[in-house]
Amino acid sequence: MIRSKNPSTLIAFAVLMCGLCAPASAHPVPFSYIDARLQPGAVEVTLVAHVFDVAHDLGLEPPERLLDQSTLTPHADAIVTLLRDRLQIAVDGKVLSASTWSRPEPLIERQALQLRASYPISGAAGALTVTAALFPYDPKHQTFVNVYEHDTVVSQSMLDVDHPQAEYFSGTRQGVWAVVRRFGPSGIHHILIGPDHLLFLVGLLLLGGSVRRLLVIVTAFTLAHSLTLSLAALNIVVPPAGIIEPAIALSIVYVGADNLLVRGGRDMRGWIAFAFGFIHGFGFANVLREMDLPARALGWSLFSFNIGVEIGQLFVVATVATALAVLHSRSEAASRRLVFAGSVFVMAAGTFWFVQRVFFPGGIA
């Protein structure tokens, strides 16, 4: 700490320190704005970008020069090209090309430039996707996206370097179908690539049984996981993944052990599927929440994802049950050996996942 009884000394020191400090250039407003309006036959887009960002990428100093029409006009084409190439508009999965882009207009009070574009479409839009990485030089840059229908804001989202895409599903029939196309295949994909869910199902099927018995098992599992999937996806009941994932692993161990201990007793697989289905539903929901559910189509997205899961399950059930039935018809001894070996494998895999998820949740290095 510097102490002096002479005030002039302190003043001189302060002036010296200020002189040594290099002038700092801070980004005043690291935001851009996109308004997308769904109109009959077109998507009308308004884009507002701060002159600081535009000037940076054009190599102009100082940025405020772009607010002067004499400087803005010669750079108009370069600005349109810069922003057009970093913005992508898609309707129902098809990337659109703008028919027109306006010349940039200065917004003096906002220290920004405004551009307009029109993207022609045929018919009504079901799903609108806006992808933007307008100024990648700045990792903190954010773009606010507003979607309008009939001059009413129906969706608001924020894009950044980690989330460069916003998706909106309209309330039309085309929008519902777009939701089904998006979330149905996701449900099929999740059940087919989820080894723990698959192994749980396979464990339940190892003992075989009549078509009616297998339908009871699958239906019980479906009813249970559909309930908890909906509760968790709607944020009504959201248990932590640190509890659910080990519990799913234990459910697999239990199924394998039950196969080995049943010994001709009462078949409890329907009740097992129902009880543990609640836990697996929370596991499904963890994946679904990461998919950014559309607020206006929550019901349809949940329904579509569930239907996809059921289609995937039925495929697994049909394949495994058919293979087991063929083996049993050819050799009962071989079928019993497969049940024993398969149940041991199911228990071993479940035990491995339980240990991994409890003691090594970040993965084994």
Protein backbone atom coordinates (compact mmCIF):
# COMPACT_ATOMS: atom_id res chain seq x y z
CA MET A 1 0.00 0.00 0.00
CA ILE A 2 1.27 3.49 -0.92
CA ARG A 3 1.02 6.17 1.78
CA SER A 4 1.88 9.83 1.38
CA LYS A 5 1.13 12.96 3.31
CA ASN A 6 1.47 14.96 0.09
CA PRO A 7 -1.81 14.88 -1.92
CA SER A 8 0.01 15.99 -5.06
CA THR A 9 2.11 12.82 -4.93
CA LEU A 10 -0.99 10.60 -4.92
CA ILE A 11 -2.53 12.53 -7.81
CA ALA A 12 0.66 12.24 -9.83
CA PHE A 13 0.83 8.47 -9.14
CA ALA A 14 -2.81 7.99 -10.23
CA VAL A 15 -2.21 9.91 -13.46
CA LEU A 16 0.89 7.81 -14.14
CA MET A 17 -0.97 4.52 -13.64
CA CYS A 18 -3.80 5.64 -15.91
CA GLY A 19 -1.28 6.51 -18.56
CA LEU A 20 0.29 3.07 -18.36
CA CYS A 21 -3.05 1.28 -18.80
CA ALA A 22 -3.77 0.31 -22.40
CA PRO A 23 -7.24 1.25 -23.61
CA ALA A 24 -9.58 -1.75 -23.41
CA SER A 25 -11.98 -2.59 -26.24
CA ALA A 26 -15.03 -4.32 -24.85
CA HIS A 27 -17.95 -5.73 -26.83
CA PRO A 28 -20.88 -3.44 -25.91
CA VAL A 29 -23.79 -5.77 -26.79
CA PRO A 30 -22.83 -9.37 -27.76
CA PHE A 31 -26.31 -10.14 -29.10
CA SER A 32 -28.05 -10.57 -32.45
CA TYR A 33 -31.76 -10.92 -33.12
CA ILE A 34 -33.73 -12.98 -35.63
CA ASP A 35 -37.48 -12.67 -36.16
CA ALA A 36 -38.98 -15.43 -38.33
CA ARG A 37 -42.57 -14.91 -39.45
CA LEU A 38 -44.56 -17.81 -40.90
CA GLN A 39 -46.59 -16.34 -43.72
CA PRO A 40 -48.68 -18.00 -46.45
CA GLY A 41 -46.14 -19.02 -49.05
CA ALA A 42 -43.04 -17.67 -47.30
CA VAL A 43 -40.94 -17.36 -44.17
CA GLU A 44 -40.10 -13.70 -43.67
CA VAL A 45 -36.91 -13.11 -41.67
CA THR A 46 -35.65 -9.94 -40.02
CA LEU A 47 -32.06 -10.01 -38.75
CA VAL A 48 -30.51 -7.36 -36.50
CA ALA A 49 -26.75 -7.44 -35.84
CA HIS A 50 -24.60 -5.05 -33.83
CA VAL A 51 -22.17 -2.97 -35.85
CA PHE A 52 -19.33 -4.08 -33.55
CA ASP A 53 -19.64 -7.70 -34.76
CA VAL A 54 -20.16 -6.84 -38.41
CA ALA A 55 -17.27 -4.40 -38.44
CA HIS A 56 -15.01 -6.95 -36.76
CA ASP A 57 -15.59 -9.53 -39.48
CA LEU A 58 -15.24 -6.91 -42.23
CA GLY A 59 -12.06 -5.50 -40.68
CA LEU A 60 -13.45 -1.98 -40.28
CA GLU A 61 -12.51 0.50 -37.56
CA PRO A 62 -14.18 2.15 -35.81
CA PRO A 63 -17.41 0.07 -35.95
CA GLU A 64 -19.62 3.18 -35.83
CA ARG A 65 -18.58 3.97 -39.40
CA LEU A 66 -21.16 1.42 -40.57
CA LEU A 67 -23.93 3.64 -39.25
CA ASP A 68 -22.95 6.22 -41.85
CA GLN A 69 -24.65 5.52 -45.17
CA SER A 70 -21.55 6.63 -47.09
CA THR A 71 -19.59 3.77 -45.49
CA LEU A 72 -22.46 1.29 -45.30
CA THR A 73 -23.42 1.40 -49.00
CA PRO A 74 -20.06 0.23 -50.42
CA HIS A 75 -20.03 -2.69 -47.93
CA ALA A 76 -23.68 -3.66 -48.34
CA ASP A 77 -23.08 -6.70 -50.57
CA ALA A 78 -20.31 -7.98 -48.30
CA ILE A 79 -22.57 -7.67 -45.25
CA VAL A 80 -25.42 -9.52 -46.96
CA THR A 81 -23.06 -12.33 -48.03
CA LEU A 82 -21.51 -12.53 -44.55
CA LEU A 83 -24.82 -12.95 -42.71
CA ARG A 84 -26.69 -14.94 -45.38
CA ASP A 85 -24.03 -17.65 -45.40
CA ARG A 86 -24.19 -18.01 -41.60
CA LEU A 87 -27.96 -18.33 -41.37
CA GLN A 88 -29.90 -21.42 -42.41
CA ILE A 89 -33.68 -21.66 -42.57
CA ALA A 90 -35.33 -25.06 -43.05
CA VAL A 91 -38.98 -26.07 -43.27
CA ASP A 92 -39.97 -29.70 -42.70
CA GLY A 93 -36.33 -30.74 -43.01
CA LYS A 94 -35.74 -28.96 -46.33
CA VAL A 95 -33.17 -26.15 -46.35
CA LEU A 96 -34.56 -23.05 -48.05
CA SER A 97 -32.88 -20.48 -50.26
CA ALA A 98 -33.90 -16.86 -49.85
CA SER A 99 -35.45 -15.24 -52.90
CA THR A 100 -34.46 -11.76 -51.78
CA TRP A 101 -32.23 -10.06 -49.21
CA SER A 102 -32.67 -6.39 -48.48
CA ARG A 103 -29.80 -3.92 -48.24
CA PRO A 104 -28.67 -3.38 -44.63
CA GLU A 105 -30.35 -0.46 -42.85
CA PRO A 106 -28.66 1.41 -39.98
CA LEU A 107 -30.47 1.45 -36.64
CA ILE A 108 -28.73 4.42 -35.05
CA GLU A 109 -30.21 4.15 -31.54
CA ARG A 110 -29.42 0.44 -31.31
CA GLN A 111 -25.95 0.76 -32.89
CA ALA A 112 -27.01 -2.06 -35.20
CA LEU A 113 -27.83 -3.02 -38.77
CA GLN A 114 -31.11 -4.55 -39.92
CA LEU A 115 -31.61 -6.86 -42.91
CA ARG A 116 -34.70 -8.60 -44.23
CA ALA A 117 -35.01 -11.81 -46.23
CA SER A 118 -37.86 -13.78 -47.74
CA TYR A 119 -37.75 -17.59 -48.02
CA PRO A 120 -40.52 -18.94 -50.30
CA ILE A 121 -42.31 -22.15 -49.26
CA SER A 122 -45.09 -24.21 -50.77
CA GLY A 123 -48.05 -24.84 -48.50
CA ALA A 124 -48.11 -24.59 -44.72
CA ALA A 125 -44.97 -25.11 -42.63
CA GLY A 126 -44.99 -28.00 -40.20
CA ALA A 127 -41.55 -27.62 -38.60
CA LEU A 128 -39.35 -24.55 -38.82
CA THR A 129 -35.65 -24.88 -38.02
CA VAL A 130 -33.37 -21.85 -37.59
CA THR A 131 -29.63 -22.54 -37.50
CA ALA A 132 -27.32 -19.61 -36.91
CA ALA A 133 -23.65 -19.11 -36.11
CA LEU A 134 -23.50 -15.45 -37.02
CA PHE A 135 -20.26 -14.41 -35.35
CA PRO A 136 -18.15 -17.45 -34.45
CA TYR A 137 -15.16 -15.29 -33.53
CA ASP A 138 -16.94 -14.50 -30.23
CA PRO A 139 -17.68 -17.65 -28.17
CA LYS A 140 -20.00 -15.62 -25.92
CA HIS A 141 -22.16 -14.30 -28.72
CA GLN A 142 -25.87 -15.06 -28.44
CA THR A 143 -28.65 -14.85 -30.99
CA PHE A 144 -32.25 -14.44 -29.84
CA VAL A 145 -34.83 -16.07 -32.13
CA ASN A 146 -38.52 -15.15 -32.16
CA VAL A 147 -41.00 -17.10 -34.27
CA TYR A 148 -44.27 -15.43 -35.22
CA GLU A 149 -47.56 -16.83 -36.50
CA HIS A 150 -50.25 -14.31 -37.45
CA ASP A 151 -48.17 -11.52 -35.85
CA THR A 152 -48.14 -13.38 -32.51
CA VAL A 153 -44.93 -14.62 -30.90
CA VAL A 154 -45.29 -18.39 -30.60
CA SER A 155 -41.71 -19.38 -29.77
CA GLN A 156 -38.67 -17.73 -28.24
CA SER A 157 -35.22 -19.27 -27.95
CA MET A 158 -31.59 -18.34 -27.62
CA LEU A 159 -28.76 -19.68 -29.78
CA ASP A 160 -25.11 -19.79 -28.79
CA VAL A 161 -21.96 -21.70 -29.64
CA ASP A 162 -23.25 -24.83 -27.84
CA HIS A 163 -26.85 -24.57 -29.11
CA PRO A 164 -26.79 -23.18 -32.66
CA GLN A 165 -30.24 -24.44 -33.65
CA ALA A 166 -33.85 -23.63 -32.73
CA GLU A 167 -36.82 -25.70 -33.84
CA TYR A 168 -40.49 -24.81 -33.87
CA PHE A 169 -43.47 -27.07 -34.63
CA SER A 170 -46.59 -25.30 -35.82
CA GLY A 171 -50.05 -26.13 -34.51
CA THR A 172 -51.22 -27.29 -37.94
CA ARG A 173 -51.71 -30.86 -39.14
CA GLN A 174 -48.34 -30.56 -40.85
CA GLY A 175 -46.83 -29.56 -37.51
CA VAL A 176 -48.26 -32.62 -35.77
CA TRP A 177 -46.91 -34.88 -38.50
CA ALA A 178 -43.50 -33.20 -38.21
CA VAL A 179 -43.47 -33.96 -34.47
CA VAL A 180 -44.35 -37.61 -35.13
CA ARG A 181 -41.59 -37.89 -37.75
CA ARG A 182 -39.08 -36.35 -35.36
CA PHE A 183 -39.80 -38.18 -32.09
CA GLY A 184 -41.13 -41.54 -33.32
CA PRO A 185 -37.84 -42.65 -34.92
CA SER A 186 -36.00 -41.28 -31.87
CA GLY A 187 -37.93 -43.70 -29.65
CA ILE A 188 -37.09 -46.63 -31.95
CA HIS A 189 -33.45 -45.57 -32.06
CA HIS A 190 -33.19 -45.24 -28.28
CA ILE A 191 -34.59 -48.67 -27.46
CA LEU A 192 -32.40 -50.36 -30.08
CA ILE A 193 -29.14 -48.70 -28.99
CA GLY A 194 -29.84 -48.88 -25.23
CA PRO A 195 -28.10 -52.09 -24.13
CA ASP A 196 -29.51 -51.98 -20.60
CA HIS A 197 -33.14 -51.69 -21.74
CA LEU A 198 -32.59 -54.36 -24.39
CA LEU A 199 -30.97 -56.76 -21.95
CA PHE A 200 -33.82 -56.27 -19.48
CA LEU A 201 -36.29 -57.23 -22.20
CA VAL A 202 -34.23 -60.19 -23.36
CA GLY A 203 -33.95 -61.40 -19.77
CA LEU A 204 -37.73 -61.33 -19.47
CA LEU A 205 -38.11 -63.33 -22.68
CA LEU A 206 -35.55 -66.07 -22.00
CA LEU A 207 -38.08 -68.39 -20.35
CA GLY A 208 -40.33 -68.14 -23.40
CA GLY A 209 -44.06 -68.73 -23.11
CA SER A 210 -47.24 -68.33 -25.10
CA VAL A 211 -47.97 -65.31 -27.26
CA ARG A 212 -50.51 -64.17 -24.66
CA ARG A 213 -47.96 -64.45 -21.86
CA LEU A 214 -45.37 -62.44 -23.79
CA LEU A 215 -47.95 -59.77 -24.65
CA VAL A 216 -48.83 -59.46 -20.95
CA ILE A 217 -45.15 -58.93 -20.11
CA VAL A 218 -44.59 -56.31 -22.83
CA THR A 219 -47.86 -54.51 -22.05
CA ALA A 220 -47.05 -54.33 -18.33
CA PHE A 221 -43.63 -52.86 -19.11
CA THR A 222 -45.18 -50.39 -21.55
CA LEU A 223 -47.84 -49.13 -19.14
CA ALA A 224 -45.35 -48.58 -16.36
CA HIS A 225 -42.60 -46.84 -18.29
CA SER A 226 -45.09 -44.69 -20.23
CA LEU A 227 -46.38 -43.26 -16.95
CA THR A 228 -43.02 -42.35 -15.44
CA LEU A 229 -41.67 -41.19 -18.81
CA SER A 230 -44.49 -38.66 -19.02
CA LEU A 231 -44.14 -37.54 -15.39
CA ALA A 232 -40.41 -36.97 -15.73
CA ALA A 233 -40.54 -35.37 -19.19
CA LEU A 234 -43.10 -32.88 -17.86
CA ASN A 235 -40.86 -32.21 -14.83
CA ILE A 236 -43.54 -33.39 -12.40
CA VAL A 237 -41.38 -36.13 -10.87
CA VAL A 238 -37.67 -36.02 -11.70
CA PRO A 239 -35.51 -38.38 -9.63
CA PRO A 240 -31.76 -37.91 -10.08
CA ALA A 241 -29.98 -39.98 -12.71
CA GLY A 242 -27.50 -41.04 -10.04
CA ILE A 243 -30.28 -43.14 -8.49
CA ILE A 244 -32.17 -44.23 -11.60
CA GLU A 245 -29.23 -45.57 -13.62
CA PRO A 246 -27.93 -47.94 -10.88
CA ALA A 247 -31.54 -49.01 -10.22
CA ILE A 248 -31.93 -49.96 -13.89
CA ALA A 249 -28.79 -52.08 -13.59
CA LEU A 250 -30.18 -53.82 -10.49
CA SER A 251 -33.42 -54.56 -12.34
CA ILE A 252 -31.38 -56.47 -14.92
CA VAL A 253 -29.63 -58.46 -12.18
CA TYR A 254 -33.01 -59.28 -10.63
CA VAL A 255 -34.45 -60.57 -13.92
CA GLY A 256 -31.49 -62.89 -14.45
CA ALA A 257 -31.70 -64.21 -10.90
CA ASP A 258 -35.44 -64.77 -11.18
CA ASN A 259 -34.91 -66.90 -14.30
CA LEU A 260 -32.51 -69.14 -12.39
CA LEU A 261 -34.68 -69.45 -9.28
CA VAL A 262 -38.15 -69.85 -10.78
CA ARG A 263 -37.90 -73.69 -10.94
CA GLY A 264 -41.39 -74.23 -12.29
CA GLY A 265 -42.99 -71.84 -9.83
CA ARG A 266 -45.46 -69.11 -10.63
CA ASP A 267 -44.46 -66.92 -13.57
CA MET A 268 -44.04 -63.42 -12.12
CA ARG A 269 -42.48 -61.80 -15.17
CA GLY A 270 -45.51 -59.60 -15.83
CA TRP A 271 -45.30 -58.10 -12.36
CA ILE A 272 -41.51 -57.77 -12.64
CA ALA A 273 -41.88 -55.94 -15.96
CA PHE A 274 -44.52 -53.65 -14.44
CA ALA A 275 -42.55 -52.85 -11.28
CA PHE A 276 -39.23 -52.18 -12.97
CA GLY A 277 -40.92 -50.48 -15.92
CA PHE A 278 -41.44 -47.45 -13.66
CA ILE A 279 -37.67 -47.17 -13.22
CA HIS A 280 -36.89 -47.67 -16.90
CA GLY A 281 -39.42 -44.93 -17.76
CA PHE A 282 -37.35 -42.42 -15.81
CA GLY A 283 -34.32 -43.60 -17.79
CA PHE A 284 -36.14 -42.97 -21.08
CA ALA A 285 -37.13 -39.52 -19.85
CA ASN A 286 -33.50 -38.53 -19.22
CA VAL A 287 -32.88 -38.96 -22.94
CA LEU A 288 -36.12 -37.28 -23.99
CA ARG A 289 -35.48 -34.15 -21.92
CA GLU A 290 -32.14 -33.68 -23.68
CA MET A 291 -34.00 -33.47 -27.00
CA ASP A 292 -35.53 -30.06 -26.17
CA LEU A 293 -39.23 -30.92 -26.27
CA PRO A 294 -41.38 -28.43 -28.18
CA ALA A 295 -43.61 -26.55 -25.72
CA ARG A 296 -46.60 -26.40 -28.05
CA ALA A 297 -46.41 -30.10 -28.93
CA LEU A 298 -45.52 -31.78 -25.64
CA GLY A 299 -48.37 -34.25 -25.87
CA TRP A 300 -47.61 -35.31 -29.42
CA SER A 301 -43.87 -35.52 -28.82
CA LEU A 302 -44.36 -37.75 -25.76
CA PHE A 303 -46.89 -39.89 -27.63
CA SER A 304 -44.63 -40.22 -30.67
CA PHE A 305 -41.56 -41.11 -28.61
CA ASN A 306 -43.55 -43.73 -26.70
CA ILE A 307 -44.89 -45.23 -29.91
CA GLY A 308 -41.34 -45.41 -31.24
CA VAL A 309 -40.18 -47.18 -28.10
CA GLU A 310 -43.03 -49.69 -28.43
CA ILE A 311 -42.23 -50.38 -32.08
CA GLY A 312 -38.61 -51.02 -31.13
CA GLN A 313 -39.68 -53.26 -28.26
CA LEU A 314 -42.04 -55.29 -30.46
CA PHE A 315 -39.26 -55.80 -32.98
CA VAL A 316 -36.95 -57.11 -30.24
CA VAL A 317 -39.69 -59.29 -28.74
CA ALA A 318 -40.67 -60.78 -32.10
CA THR A 319 -37.06 -61.53 -33.03
CA VAL A 320 -35.97 -63.01 -29.69
CA ALA A 321 -39.20 -64.94 -29.03
CA THR A 322 -39.15 -66.48 -32.50
CA ALA A 323 -35.51 -67.55 -32.17
CA LEU A 324 -36.14 -69.06 -28.74
CA ALA A 325 -39.25 -70.90 -29.93
CA VAL A 326 -37.36 -72.41 -32.87
CA LEU A 327 -34.52 -73.54 -30.60
CA HIS A 328 -36.95 -75.02 -28.06
CA SER A 329 -38.78 -76.97 -30.76
CA ARG A 330 -35.53 -78.50 -31.97
CA SER A 331 -33.88 -79.26 -28.62
CA GLU A 332 -35.28 -78.73 -25.14
CA ALA A 333 -31.89 -79.46 -23.62
CA ALA A 334 -30.20 -76.78 -25.72
CA SER A 335 -33.02 -74.38 -24.81
CA ARG A 336 -32.47 -74.98 -21.08
CA ARG A 337 -28.73 -74.46 -21.45
CA LEU A 338 -29.37 -71.19 -23.29
CA VAL A 339 -31.72 -70.02 -20.52
CA PHE A 340 -29.05 -70.76 -17.90
CA ALA A 341 -26.17 -69.19 -19.82
CA GLY A 342 -28.27 -66.22 -20.90
CA SER A 343 -29.48 -65.56 -17.35
CA VAL A 344 -25.93 -65.69 -15.99
CA PHE A 345 -24.82 -63.26 -18.70
CA VAL A 346 -27.74 -60.93 -17.89
CA MET A 347 -26.81 -60.94 -14.19
CA ALA A 348 -23.13 -60.35 -14.95
CA ALA A 349 -23.87 -57.43 -17.25
CA GLY A 350 -26.27 -55.89 -14.75
CA THR A 351 -23.72 -56.26 -11.96
CA PHE A 352 -21.02 -54.63 -14.11
CA TRP A 353 -23.27 -51.67 -14.93
CA PHE A 354 -24.28 -51.29 -11.29
CA VAL A 355 -20.66 -51.13 -10.12
CA GLN A 356 -19.74 -48.79 -12.95
CA ARG A 357 -22.65 -46.42 -12.33
CA VAL A 358 -22.21 -46.30 -8.56
CA PHE A 359 -18.44 -46.21 -8.22
CA PHE A 360 -17.28 -44.96 -11.64
CA PRO A 361 -20.08 -42.66 -12.88
CA GLY A 362 -17.64 -40.71 -15.05
CA GLY A 363 -16.39 -43.87 -16.78
CA ILE A 364 -13.45 -46.13 -16.14
CA ALA A 365 -10.22 -44.53 -17.32
